[in-house]
Amino acid sequence: MLLRTKTVHGKKYYYLDFSYRVLSKLKTFSKYIGAKKPSEIELAKIEQAFKSEIVSRISGKEYTNELISKDDLIKALLFKEAFNKKFASLSKVQKRKYEIDSTILFTLTTLATENVDVSLGDVINAFEKDRQLGVREQISKNMLKAVESIKEKHALNKKYLLGLHKTIMASFEGKTPGRIRHRQVYLHKQGPKNPFGIEIGYRPPSPGKVNELLGEFVKWYNSTELNPIEKAAIAHYKIYKIHPFLDGNKRICRLILNNALIGEGFPLLNISSKKEPYFQTLITAVEKNQPEKVAEFTLKEFLSQTKQFLKQN
């Protein structure tokens, strides 16, 4: 932030400048604040109001923020803007290649994160054909269908959530695809001293509460005015805490996270590409009731992956 003065005919006028860097480019926003130098208290109020104005100017929406700063939100929106600008400049062939590659990579990563035995070849084969699929190819196909579904920007309700789960878990009949869990589940973490896993310091709600909690989640999701980064991260956090299904919960979390992002013009985010930091962030967040950990991780991964895209020739 810079409080800048401009002298005209011997009289000082004050301007407020905020600058944000997107790779090598610097984006500066300026606001005239008057001929009188503001006090520190007045300046702080002007700063916050101006940052909200910048958010609205970039996004065209009145987003709120709770867990990340306005500066981080502005930076995220500028990176989204840069991503979309570069993507728009690509040829149809290049756009199609990016869409296919990102979808395949997300599918492989989100399955591998849960130790589902599929390979890159399985996912590619599943993408390219519709018949005579092997078991691993069918598992991949199911996830690919779910990814395409969230790109279609369906309205989020309980029916859609259950349908999404039914799609991704169709090859795991014993895990009751498309149905809310009927028994208590426990969350575990592994480590060098506990390879079989130990229960973490958070236990999901009893099965009798899940339906009501899902209803509350859907109501929150469709009414919140939070910015896309926080909405996506908190949606992931909330569903993980509810743990509505016997299995496939984190897969649903990652899909709904992207449903929130894609719905606001953000690209598909491979949030679990760094498996161990992702798991540790999620466990710490639910054990300590700190959803900001997931929001910060989501922001960091979005910026990192967008930078990689922007640096490509």
C-alpha atoms as a PDB file:
ATOM      1  CA  MET A   1       0.000   0.000   0.000  1.00  0.00           C
ATOM      2  CA  LEU A   2       1.278   3.459  -0.857  1.00  0.00           C
ATOM      3  CA  LEU A   3      -0.185   6.794   0.181  1.00  0.00           C
ATOM      4  CA  ARG A   4       0.834   8.970  -2.748  1.00  0.00           C
ATOM      5  CA  THR A   5       0.695  12.732  -3.054  1.00  0.00           C
ATOM      6  CA  LYS A   6       0.247  14.790  -6.175  1.00  0.00           C
ATOM      7  CA  THR A   7       0.934  18.529  -6.118  1.00  0.00           C
ATOM      8  CA  VAL A   8      -1.112  20.789  -8.385  1.00  0.00           C
ATOM      9  CA  HIS A   9      -0.595  24.579  -8.234  1.00  0.00           C
ATOM     10  CA  GLY A  10       1.160  24.165  -4.918  1.00  0.00           C
ATOM     11  CA  LYS A  11      -1.642  22.170  -3.327  1.00  0.00           C
ATOM     12  CA  LYS A  12      -1.310  18.512  -2.268  1.00  0.00           C
ATOM     13  CA  TYR A  13      -3.822  15.836  -3.200  1.00  0.00           C
ATOM     14  CA  TYR A  14      -3.732  12.335  -1.770  1.00  0.00           C
ATOM     15  CA  TYR A  15      -4.070   9.012  -3.570  1.00  0.00           C
ATOM     16  CA  LEU A  16      -4.032   5.429  -2.328  1.00  0.00           C
ATOM     17  CA  ASP A  17      -2.193   2.848  -4.442  1.00  0.00           C
ATOM     18  CA  PHE A  18      -2.314  -0.934  -4.128  1.00  0.00           C
ATOM     19  CA  SER A  19      -0.035  -3.090  -6.303  1.00  0.00           C
ATOM     20  CA  TYR A  20      -0.226  -6.842  -6.926  1.00  0.00           C
ATOM     21  CA  ARG A  21       2.192  -8.966  -8.919  1.00  0.00           C
ATOM     22  CA  VAL A  22       1.106 -11.716 -11.306  1.00  0.00           C
ATOM     23  CA  LEU A  23       4.379 -13.330 -12.331  1.00  0.00           C
ATOM     24  CA  SER A  24       6.412 -10.500 -13.898  1.00  0.00           C
ATOM     25  CA  LYS A  25       3.484  -8.120 -14.335  1.00  0.00           C
ATOM     26  CA  LEU A  26       2.497  -5.555 -11.727  1.00  0.00           C
ATOM     27  CA  LYS A  27      -1.139  -4.500 -11.478  1.00  0.00           C
ATOM     28  CA  THR A  28      -1.765  -1.212  -9.648  1.00  0.00           C
ATOM     29  CA  PHE A  29      -5.104   0.172  -8.453  1.00  0.00           C
ATOM     30  CA  SER A  30      -5.347   3.841  -7.480  1.00  0.00           C
ATOM     31  CA  LYS A  31      -7.964   5.844  -5.607  1.00  0.00           C
ATOM     32  CA  TYR A  32      -8.190   9.571  -4.984  1.00  0.00           C
ATOM     33  CA  ILE A  33      -8.905  10.221  -1.302  1.00  0.00           C
ATOM     34  CA  GLY A  34      -8.933  14.014  -1.075  1.00  0.00           C
ATOM     35  CA  ALA A  35      -6.927  17.109  -0.364  1.00  0.00           C
ATOM     36  CA  LYS A  36      -6.646  16.353   3.353  1.00  0.00           C
ATOM     37  CA  LYS A  37      -4.247  13.732   4.629  1.00  0.00           C
ATOM     38  CA  PRO A  38      -6.284  11.074   6.452  1.00  0.00           C
ATOM     39  CA  SER A  39      -5.526   9.955   9.988  1.00  0.00           C
ATOM     40  CA  GLU A  40      -4.300   6.400  10.545  1.00  0.00           C
ATOM     41  CA  ILE A  41      -7.791   5.299  11.596  1.00  0.00           C
ATOM     42  CA  GLU A  42      -9.389   6.971   8.583  1.00  0.00           C
ATOM     43  CA  LEU A  43      -6.755   5.500   6.275  1.00  0.00           C
ATOM     44  CA  ALA A  44      -7.378   1.982   7.588  1.00  0.00           C
ATOM     45  CA  LYS A  45     -11.103   2.324   6.835  1.00  0.00           C
ATOM     46  CA  ILE A  46     -10.381   3.705   3.365  1.00  0.00           C
ATOM     47  CA  GLU A  47      -7.981   0.822   2.679  1.00  0.00           C
ATOM     48  CA  GLN A  48     -10.561  -1.854   3.506  1.00  0.00           C
ATOM     49  CA  ALA A  49     -13.295  -0.146   1.523  1.00  0.00           C
ATOM     50  CA  PHE A  50     -10.985   0.272  -1.467  1.00  0.00           C
ATOM     51  CA  LYS A  51      -9.934  -3.394  -1.364  1.00  0.00           C
ATOM     52  CA  SER A  52     -13.601  -4.404  -1.401  1.00  0.00           C
ATOM     53  CA  GLU A  53     -14.055  -2.084  -4.367  1.00  0.00           C
ATOM     54  CA  ILE A  54     -11.126  -3.744  -6.148  1.00  0.00           C
ATOM     55  CA  VAL A  55     -12.621  -7.198  -5.543  1.00  0.00           C
ATOM     56  CA  SER A  56     -15.906  -6.007  -7.032  1.00  0.00           C
ATOM     57  CA  ARG A  57     -14.127  -4.337  -9.951  1.00  0.00           C
ATOM     58  CA  ILE A  58     -12.240  -7.529 -10.884  1.00  0.00           C
ATOM     59  CA  SER A  59     -14.979 -10.066 -10.289  1.00  0.00           C
ATOM     60  CA  GLY A  60     -18.147  -8.077 -10.842  1.00  0.00           C
ATOM     61  CA  LYS A  61     -19.454  -9.492  -7.554  1.00  0.00           C
ATOM     62  CA  GLU A  62     -19.657  -8.479  -3.890  1.00  0.00           C
ATOM     63  CA  TYR A  63     -17.682 -11.363  -2.404  1.00  0.00           C
ATOM     64  CA  THR A  64     -17.024 -11.526   1.322  1.00  0.00           C
ATOM     65  CA  ASN A  65     -13.944 -12.943   3.022  1.00  0.00           C
ATOM     66  CA  GLU A  66     -13.436 -14.510   6.440  1.00  0.00           C
ATOM     67  CA  LEU A  67     -10.467 -16.871   6.353  1.00  0.00           C
ATOM     68  CA  ILE A  68      -8.156 -15.291   3.805  1.00  0.00           C
ATOM     69  CA  SER A  69      -7.205 -11.637   3.541  1.00  0.00           C
ATOM     70  CA  LYS A  70      -8.627  -9.247   0.976  1.00  0.00           C
ATOM     71  CA  ASP A  71      -5.118  -8.957  -0.470  1.00  0.00           C
ATOM     72  CA  ASP A  72      -4.979 -12.730  -1.002  1.00  0.00           C
ATOM     73  CA  LEU A  73      -8.455 -12.698  -2.512  1.00  0.00           C
ATOM     74  CA  ILE A  74      -7.488  -9.928  -4.937  1.00  0.00           C
ATOM     75  CA  LYS A  75      -4.360 -11.848  -5.892  1.00  0.00           C
ATOM     76  CA  ALA A  76      -6.396 -15.009  -6.508  1.00  0.00           C
ATOM     77  CA  LEU A  77      -8.869 -13.108  -8.679  1.00  0.00           C
ATOM     78  CA  LEU A  78      -6.030 -11.545 -10.683  1.00  0.00           C
ATOM     79  CA  PHE A  79      -4.468 -14.969 -11.251  1.00  0.00           C
ATOM     80  CA  LYS A  80      -7.847 -16.314 -12.354  1.00  0.00           C
ATOM     81  CA  GLU A  81      -8.145 -13.379 -14.743  1.00  0.00           C
ATOM     82  CA  ALA A  82      -4.645 -14.081 -16.121  1.00  0.00           C
ATOM     83  CA  PHE A  83      -5.470 -17.776 -16.505  1.00  0.00           C
ATOM     84  CA  ASN A  84      -8.660 -17.088 -18.425  1.00  0.00           C
ATOM     85  CA  LYS A  85      -6.946 -14.521 -20.626  1.00  0.00           C
ATOM     86  CA  LYS A  86      -4.190 -16.954 -21.591  1.00  0.00           C
ATOM     87  CA  PHE A  87      -6.648 -19.817 -22.037  1.00  0.00           C
ATOM     88  CA  ALA A  88      -8.778 -17.644 -24.353  1.00  0.00           C
ATOM     89  CA  SER A  89      -5.702 -16.976 -26.506  1.00  0.00           C
ATOM     90  CA  LEU A  90      -5.143 -20.686 -27.167  1.00  0.00           C
ATOM     91  CA  SER A  91      -6.281 -22.384 -30.348  1.00  0.00           C
ATOM     92  CA  LYS A  92      -9.241 -24.776 -30.246  1.00  0.00           C
ATOM     93  CA  VAL A  93      -6.844 -27.721 -30.399  1.00  0.00           C
ATOM     94  CA  GLN A  94      -4.750 -26.341 -27.529  1.00  0.00           C
ATOM     95  CA  LYS A  95      -7.829 -25.647 -25.418  1.00  0.00           C
ATOM     96  CA  ARG A  96      -9.126 -29.142 -25.994  1.00  0.00           C
ATOM     97  CA  LYS A  97      -5.746 -30.642 -25.112  1.00  0.00           C
ATOM     98  CA  TYR A  98      -5.594 -28.663 -21.880  1.00  0.00           C
ATOM     99  CA  GLU A  99      -9.124 -29.703 -20.896  1.00  0.00           C
ATOM    100  CA  ILE A 100      -8.408 -33.364 -21.587  1.00  0.00           C
ATOM    101  CA  ASP A 101      -5.015 -33.377 -19.882  1.00  0.00           C
ATOM    102  CA  SER A 102      -6.266 -31.592 -16.753  1.00  0.00           C
ATOM    103  CA  THR A 103      -9.299 -33.875 -16.487  1.00  0.00           C
ATOM    104  CA  ILE A 104      -7.212 -37.019 -16.879  1.00  0.00           C
ATOM    105  CA  LEU A 105      -4.607 -35.817 -14.379  1.00  0.00           C
ATOM    106  CA  PHE A 106      -7.257 -34.850 -11.821  1.00  0.00           C
ATOM    107  CA  THR A 107      -8.967 -38.217 -12.234  1.00  0.00           C
ATOM    108  CA  LEU A 108      -5.732 -40.160 -11.798  1.00  0.00           C
ATOM    109  CA  THR A 109      -4.630 -38.069  -8.820  1.00  0.00           C
ATOM    110  CA  THR A 110      -7.932 -38.084  -6.953  1.00  0.00           C
ATOM    111  CA  LEU A 111      -8.148 -41.881  -7.247  1.00  0.00           C
ATOM    112  CA  ALA A 112      -4.476 -42.501  -6.458  1.00  0.00           C
ATOM    113  CA  THR A 113      -4.813 -40.255  -3.392  1.00  0.00           C
ATOM    114  CA  GLU A 114      -7.157 -42.902  -1.955  1.00  0.00           C
ATOM    115  CA  ASN A 115      -4.836 -45.739  -3.022  1.00  0.00           C
ATOM    116  CA  VAL A 116      -7.268 -46.894  -5.700  1.00  0.00           C
ATOM    117  CA  ASP A 117      -5.288 -49.164  -8.017  1.00  0.00           C
ATOM    118  CA  VAL A 118      -5.520 -47.371 -11.368  1.00  0.00           C
ATOM    119  CA  SER A 119      -2.768 -46.245 -13.736  1.00  0.00           C
ATOM    120  CA  LEU A 120      -2.456 -43.371 -16.179  1.00  0.00           C
ATOM    121  CA  GLY A 121      -3.068 -45.877 -18.964  1.00  0.00           C
ATOM    122  CA  ASP A 122      -6.313 -46.982 -17.324  1.00  0.00           C
ATOM    123  CA  VAL A 123      -7.581 -43.401 -17.161  1.00  0.00           C
ATOM    124  CA  ILE A 124      -6.575 -42.632 -20.746  1.00  0.00           C
ATOM    125  CA  ASN A 125      -8.255 -45.824 -21.996  1.00  0.00           C
ATOM    126  CA  ALA A 126     -11.372 -44.974 -20.006  1.00  0.00           C
ATOM    127  CA  PHE A 127     -11.434 -41.520 -21.554  1.00  0.00           C
ATOM    128  CA  GLU A 128     -11.067 -42.849 -25.089  1.00  0.00           C
ATOM    129  CA  LYS A 129     -13.552 -45.714 -25.078  1.00  0.00           C
ATOM    130  CA  ASP A 130     -17.029 -46.552 -23.794  1.00  0.00           C
ATOM    131  CA  ARG A 131     -17.191 -50.331 -24.195  1.00  0.00           C
ATOM    132  CA  GLN A 132     -15.260 -53.376 -23.089  1.00  0.00           C
ATOM    133  CA  LEU A 133     -13.764 -51.625 -20.096  1.00  0.00           C
ATOM    134  CA  GLY A 134     -11.685 -53.499 -17.570  1.00  0.00           C
ATOM    135  CA  VAL A 135     -12.388 -53.091 -13.847  1.00  0.00           C
ATOM    136  CA  ARG A 136      -9.757 -50.380 -13.338  1.00  0.00           C
ATOM    137  CA  GLU A 137     -10.839 -48.637 -16.512  1.00  0.00           C
ATOM    138  CA  GLN A 138     -14.464 -48.654 -15.338  1.00  0.00           C
ATOM    139  CA  ILE A 139     -13.482 -47.122 -11.995  1.00  0.00           C
ATOM    140  CA  SER A 140     -11.647 -44.417 -13.935  1.00  0.00           C
ATOM    141  CA  LYS A 141     -14.600 -43.941 -16.291  1.00  0.00           C
ATOM    142  CA  ASN A 142     -16.926 -43.370 -13.358  1.00  0.00           C
ATOM    143  CA  MET A 143     -14.706 -40.638 -11.973  1.00  0.00           C
ATOM    144  CA  LEU A 144     -14.330 -39.044 -15.405  1.00  0.00           C
ATOM    145  CA  LYS A 145     -18.127 -38.869 -15.668  1.00  0.00           C
ATOM    146  CA  ALA A 146     -18.288 -37.139 -12.287  1.00  0.00           C
ATOM    147  CA  VAL A 147     -15.669 -34.571 -13.312  1.00  0.00           C
ATOM    148  CA  GLU A 148     -17.605 -33.780 -16.480  1.00  0.00           C
ATOM    149  CA  SER A 149     -20.766 -33.474 -14.404  1.00  0.00           C
ATOM    150  CA  ILE A 150     -19.359 -30.749 -12.149  1.00  0.00           C
ATOM    151  CA  LYS A 151     -18.164 -28.866 -15.239  1.00  0.00           C
ATOM    152  CA  GLU A 152     -21.786 -28.707 -16.366  1.00  0.00           C
ATOM    153  CA  LYS A 153     -22.567 -26.516 -13.324  1.00  0.00           C
ATOM    154  CA  HIS A 154     -25.532 -28.442 -11.951  1.00  0.00           C
ATOM    155  CA  ALA A 155     -27.449 -26.972  -9.022  1.00  0.00           C
ATOM    156  CA  LEU A 156     -26.147 -28.455  -5.799  1.00  0.00           C
ATOM    157  CA  ASN A 157     -28.702 -30.276  -3.672  1.00  0.00           C
ATOM    158  CA  LYS A 158     -28.858 -33.562  -1.759  1.00  0.00           C
ATOM    159  CA  LYS A 159     -30.113 -35.443  -4.811  1.00  0.00           C
ATOM    160  CA  TYR A 160     -27.141 -34.251  -6.854  1.00  0.00           C
ATOM    161  CA  LEU A 161     -24.679 -35.134  -4.077  1.00  0.00           C
ATOM    162  CA  LEU A 162     -26.094 -38.643  -3.775  1.00  0.00           C
ATOM    163  CA  GLY A 163     -26.083 -39.041  -7.555  1.00  0.00           C
ATOM    164  CA  LEU A 164     -22.476 -37.919  -7.740  1.00  0.00           C
ATOM    165  CA  HIS A 165     -21.515 -40.468  -5.101  1.00  0.00           C
ATOM    166  CA  LYS A 166     -23.449 -43.180  -6.928  1.00  0.00           C
ATOM    167  CA  THR A 167     -21.495 -42.376 -10.079  1.00  0.00           C
ATOM    168  CA  ILE A 168     -18.000 -42.497  -8.585  1.00  0.00           C
ATOM    169  CA  MET A 169     -18.668 -45.528  -6.370  1.00  0.00           C
ATOM    170  CA  ALA A 170     -20.631 -47.591  -8.892  1.00  0.00           C
ATOM    171  CA  SER A 171     -17.850 -50.199  -8.993  1.00  0.00           C
ATOM    172  CA  PHE A 172     -17.838 -50.548  -5.195  1.00  0.00           C
ATOM    173  CA  GLU A 173     -21.288 -51.971  -4.443  1.00  0.00           C
ATOM    174  CA  GLY A 174     -20.267 -52.948  -0.916  1.00  0.00           C
ATOM    175  CA  LYS A 175     -19.790 -49.252  -0.145  1.00  0.00           C
ATOM    176  CA  THR A 176     -23.488 -48.480  -0.780  1.00  0.00           C
ATOM    177  CA  PRO A 177     -23.050 -46.047  -3.692  1.00  0.00           C
ATOM    178  CA  GLY A 178     -25.515 -43.160  -3.678  1.00  0.00           C
ATOM    179  CA  ARG A 179     -26.737 -43.853  -0.152  1.00  0.00           C
ATOM    180  CA  ILE A 180     -26.067 -42.087   3.146  1.00  0.00           C
ATOM    181  CA  ARG A 181     -24.105 -44.242   5.563  1.00  0.00           C
ATOM    182  CA  HIS A 182     -26.082 -46.368   8.013  1.00  0.00           C
ATOM    183  CA  ARG A 183     -23.366 -46.824  10.638  1.00  0.00           C
ATOM    184  CA  GLN A 184     -20.723 -44.885  12.514  1.00  0.00           C
ATOM    185  CA  VAL A 185     -17.437 -44.277  10.739  1.00  0.00           C
ATOM    186  CA  TYR A 186     -14.018 -43.431  12.171  1.00  0.00           C
ATOM    187  CA  LEU A 187     -11.197 -41.432  10.627  1.00  0.00           C
ATOM    188  CA  HIS A 188      -7.656 -42.735  10.770  1.00  0.00           C
ATOM    189  CA  LYS A 189      -4.184 -41.541   9.920  1.00  0.00           C
ATOM    190  CA  GLN A 190      -1.075 -43.566   9.203  1.00  0.00           C
ATOM    191  CA  GLY A 191       2.558 -42.991  10.031  1.00  0.00           C
ATOM    192  CA  PRO A 192       5.866 -44.820  10.415  1.00  0.00           C
ATOM    193  CA  LYS A 193       4.919 -45.880  13.936  1.00  0.00           C
ATOM    194  CA  ASN A 194       1.300 -46.769  13.108  1.00  0.00           C
ATOM    195  CA  PRO A 195       1.166 -48.297   9.601  1.00  0.00           C
ATOM    196  CA  PHE A 196      -2.301 -49.729  10.300  1.00  0.00           C
ATOM    197  CA  GLY A 197      -3.606 -46.318  11.293  1.00  0.00           C
ATOM    198  CA  ILE A 198      -4.878 -44.707  14.478  1.00  0.00           C
ATOM    199  CA  GLU A 199      -8.089 -42.766  14.970  1.00  0.00           C
ATOM    200  CA  ILE A 200      -7.627 -39.025  14.635  1.00  0.00           C
ATOM    201  CA  GLY A 201      -8.879 -36.524  17.192  1.00  0.00           C
ATOM    202  CA  TYR A 202     -12.199 -36.009  15.447  1.00  0.00           C
ATOM    203  CA  ARG A 203     -15.130 -38.394  15.079  1.00  0.00           C
ATOM    204  CA  PRO A 204     -17.849 -37.785  12.450  1.00  0.00           C
ATOM    205  CA  PRO A 205     -21.464 -37.424  13.612  1.00  0.00           C
ATOM    206  CA  SER A 206     -23.711 -40.424  14.157  1.00  0.00           C
ATOM    207  CA  PRO A 207     -25.557 -41.722  11.067  1.00  0.00           C
ATOM    208  CA  GLY A 208     -28.878 -40.439  12.397  1.00  0.00           C
ATOM    209  CA  LYS A 209     -27.648 -36.852  12.083  1.00  0.00           C
ATOM    210  CA  VAL A 210     -26.150 -37.053   8.608  1.00  0.00           C
ATOM    211  CA  ASN A 211     -29.283 -36.329   6.563  1.00  0.00           C
ATOM    212  CA  GLU A 212     -30.052 -33.164   8.534  1.00  0.00           C
ATOM    213  CA  LEU A 213     -26.434 -31.996   8.371  1.00  0.00           C
ATOM    214  CA  LEU A 214     -26.348 -32.518   4.617  1.00  0.00           C
ATOM    215  CA  GLY A 215     -29.471 -30.405   4.323  1.00  0.00           C
ATOM    216  CA  GLU A 216     -27.811 -27.643   6.336  1.00  0.00           C
ATOM    217  CA  PHE A 217     -24.706 -27.910   4.156  1.00  0.00           C
ATOM    218  CA  VAL A 218     -26.712 -27.538   0.935  1.00  0.00           C
ATOM    219  CA  LYS A 219     -28.544 -24.511   2.353  1.00  0.00           C
ATOM    220  CA  TRP A 220     -25.221 -22.905   3.327  1.00  0.00           C
ATOM    221  CA  TYR A 221     -23.618 -23.715  -0.031  1.00  0.00           C
ATOM    222  CA  ASN A 222     -26.415 -22.095  -2.000  1.00  0.00           C
ATOM    223  CA  SER A 223     -26.684 -18.971   0.164  1.00  0.00           C
ATOM    224  CA  THR A 224     -23.130 -18.044   1.177  1.00  0.00           C
ATOM    225  CA  GLU A 225     -21.597 -14.898  -0.288  1.00  0.00           C
ATOM    226  CA  LEU A 226     -18.051 -16.054   0.443  1.00  0.00           C
ATOM    227  CA  ASN A 227     -15.492 -15.724  -2.308  1.00  0.00           C
ATOM    228  CA  PRO A 228     -14.887 -18.866  -4.449  1.00  0.00           C
ATOM    229  CA  ILE A 229     -11.597 -19.875  -2.760  1.00  0.00           C
ATOM    230  CA  GLU A 230     -13.133 -19.881   0.703  1.00  0.00           C
ATOM    231  CA  LYS A 231     -16.450 -21.341  -0.432  1.00  0.00           C
ATOM    232  CA  ALA A 232     -14.653 -24.218  -2.149  1.00  0.00           C
ATOM    233  CA  ALA A 233     -12.349 -24.874   0.803  1.00  0.00           C
ATOM    234  CA  ILE A 234     -15.063 -24.683   3.451  1.00  0.00           C
ATOM    235  CA  ALA A 235     -17.360 -26.900   1.367  1.00  0.00           C
ATOM    236  CA  HIS A 236     -14.578 -29.503   1.343  1.00  0.00           C
ATOM    237  CA  TYR A 237     -14.068 -29.054   5.091  1.00  0.00           C
ATOM    238  CA  LYS A 238     -17.777 -29.296   5.931  1.00  0.00           C
ATOM    239  CA  ILE A 239     -18.462 -32.425   3.869  1.00  0.00           C
ATOM    240  CA  TYR A 240     -15.366 -34.117   5.255  1.00  0.00           C
ATOM    241  CA  LYS A 241     -16.568 -33.421   8.810  1.00  0.00           C
ATOM    242  CA  ILE A 242     -20.024 -34.809   8.058  1.00  0.00           C
ATOM    243  CA  HIS A 243     -18.523 -37.837   6.264  1.00  0.00           C
ATOM    244  CA  PRO A 244     -21.931 -38.734   4.814  1.00  0.00           C
ATOM    245  CA  PHE A 245     -20.878 -41.965   3.069  1.00  0.00           C
ATOM    246  CA  LEU A 246     -19.215 -45.226   4.013  1.00  0.00           C
ATOM    247  CA  ASP A 247     -16.447 -44.531   1.485  1.00  0.00           C
ATOM    248  CA  GLY A 248     -15.579 -42.016  -1.192  1.00  0.00           C
ATOM    249  CA  ASN A 249     -16.043 -38.985   1.066  1.00  0.00           C
ATOM    250  CA  LYS A 250     -12.805 -37.202   0.181  1.00  0.00           C
ATOM    251  CA  ARG A 251     -13.432 -37.882  -3.505  1.00  0.00           C
ATOM    252  CA  ILE A 252     -16.805 -36.149  -3.143  1.00  0.00           C
ATOM    253  CA  CYS A 253     -15.118 -33.339  -1.196  1.00  0.00           C
ATOM    254  CA  ARG A 254     -12.663 -32.699  -4.024  1.00  0.00           C
ATOM    255  CA  LEU A 255     -15.418 -32.747  -6.618  1.00  0.00           C
ATOM    256  CA  ILE A 256     -17.581 -30.272  -4.683  1.00  0.00           C
ATOM    257  CA  LEU A 257     -14.552 -28.053  -4.065  1.00  0.00           C
ATOM    258  CA  ASN A 258     -14.154 -27.847  -7.824  1.00  0.00           C
ATOM    259  CA  ASN A 259     -17.873 -27.412  -8.360  1.00  0.00           C
ATOM    260  CA  ALA A 260     -17.599 -24.201  -6.328  1.00  0.00           C
ATOM    261  CA  LEU A 261     -14.523 -23.001  -8.230  1.00  0.00           C
ATOM    262  CA  ILE A 262     -15.661 -23.882 -11.749  1.00  0.00           C
ATOM    263  CA  GLY A 263     -19.029 -22.278 -11.091  1.00  0.00           C
ATOM    264  CA  GLU A 264     -17.210 -18.968 -10.609  1.00  0.00           C
ATOM    265  CA  GLY A 265     -14.926 -19.224 -13.644  1.00  0.00           C
ATOM    266  CA  PHE A 266     -11.910 -20.829 -11.967  1.00  0.00           C
ATOM    267  CA  PRO A 267     -10.056 -23.739 -13.600  1.00  0.00           C
ATOM    268  CA  LEU A 268     -10.148 -27.334 -12.345  1.00  0.00           C
ATOM    269  CA  LEU A 269      -7.909 -27.535  -9.268  1.00  0.00           C
ATOM    270  CA  ASN A 270      -5.976 -30.732  -8.564  1.00  0.00           C
ATOM    271  CA  ILE A 271      -6.119 -30.075  -4.837  1.00  0.00           C
ATOM    272  CA  SER A 272      -4.595 -33.413  -3.741  1.00  0.00           C
ATOM    273  CA  SER A 273      -1.637 -33.361  -6.126  1.00  0.00           C
ATOM    274  CA  LYS A 274       0.601 -33.090  -3.035  1.00  0.00           C
ATOM    275  CA  LYS A 275      -0.863 -36.014  -1.155  1.00  0.00           C
ATOM    276  CA  GLU A 276       0.829 -35.839   2.243  1.00  0.00           C
ATOM    277  CA  PRO A 277       0.500 -32.044   2.769  1.00  0.00           C
ATOM    278  CA  TYR A 278      -3.118 -32.311   1.642  1.00  0.00           C
ATOM    279  CA  PHE A 279      -3.911 -35.081   4.142  1.00  0.00           C
ATOM    280  CA  GLN A 280      -2.067 -33.366   6.970  1.00  0.00           C
ATOM    281  CA  THR A 281      -3.839 -30.077   6.323  1.00  0.00           C
ATOM    282  CA  LEU A 282      -7.231 -31.763   6.345  1.00  0.00           C
ATOM    283  CA  ILE A 283      -6.545 -33.747   9.514  1.00  0.00           C
ATOM    284  CA  THR A 284      -5.168 -30.725  11.365  1.00  0.00           C
ATOM    285  CA  ALA A 285      -8.131 -28.611  10.263  1.00  0.00           C
ATOM    286  CA  VAL A 286     -10.794 -31.001  11.577  1.00  0.00           C
ATOM    287  CA  GLU A 287      -8.912 -31.967  14.737  1.00  0.00           C
ATOM    288  CA  LYS A 288      -8.366 -28.333  15.737  1.00  0.00           C
ATOM    289  CA  ASN A 289     -11.553 -26.943  14.171  1.00  0.00           C
ATOM    290  CA  GLN A 290      -9.509 -24.646  11.911  1.00  0.00           C
ATOM    291  CA  PRO A 291     -11.143 -24.437   8.464  1.00  0.00           C
ATOM    292  CA  GLU A 292      -8.723 -21.622   7.640  1.00  0.00           C
ATOM    293  CA  LYS A 293      -6.035 -24.286   7.195  1.00  0.00           C
ATOM    294  CA  VAL A 294      -7.969 -25.745   4.256  1.00  0.00           C
ATOM    295  CA  ALA A 295      -8.638 -22.270   2.834  1.00  0.00           C
ATOM    296  CA  GLU A 296      -4.950 -21.351   3.006  1.00  0.00           C
ATOM    297  CA  PHE A 297      -3.939 -24.652   1.401  1.00  0.00           C
ATOM    298  CA  THR A 298      -6.518 -24.234  -1.371  1.00  0.00           C
ATOM    299  CA  LEU A 299      -5.291 -20.716  -2.097  1.00  0.00           C
ATOM    300  CA  LYS A 300      -1.656 -21.837  -2.143  1.00  0.00           C
ATOM    301  CA  GLU A 301      -2.343 -24.727  -4.523  1.00  0.00           C
ATOM    302  CA  PHE A 302      -4.470 -22.582  -6.824  1.00  0.00           C
ATOM    303  CA  LEU A 303      -1.732 -19.957  -7.130  1.00  0.00           C
ATOM    304  CA  SER A 304       0.964 -22.598  -7.609  1.00  0.00           C
ATOM    305  CA  GLN A 305      -0.881 -24.546 -10.305  1.00  0.00           C
ATOM    306  CA  THR A 306      -1.993 -21.380 -12.103  1.00  0.00           C
ATOM    307  CA  LYS A 307       1.585 -20.104 -12.149  1.00  0.00           C
ATOM    308  CA  GLN A 308       2.668 -23.344 -13.813  1.00  0.00           C
ATOM    309  CA  PHE A 309       0.058 -22.852 -16.520  1.00  0.00           C
ATOM    310  CA  LEU A 310       0.971 -19.207 -17.071  1.00  0.00           C
ATOM    311  CA  LYS A 311       4.666 -20.047 -17.420  1.00  0.00           C
ATOM    312  CA  GLN A 312       4.038 -22.557 -20.196  1.00  0.00           C
ATOM    313  CA  ASN A 313       4.831 -21.392 -23.730  1.00  0.00           C
END
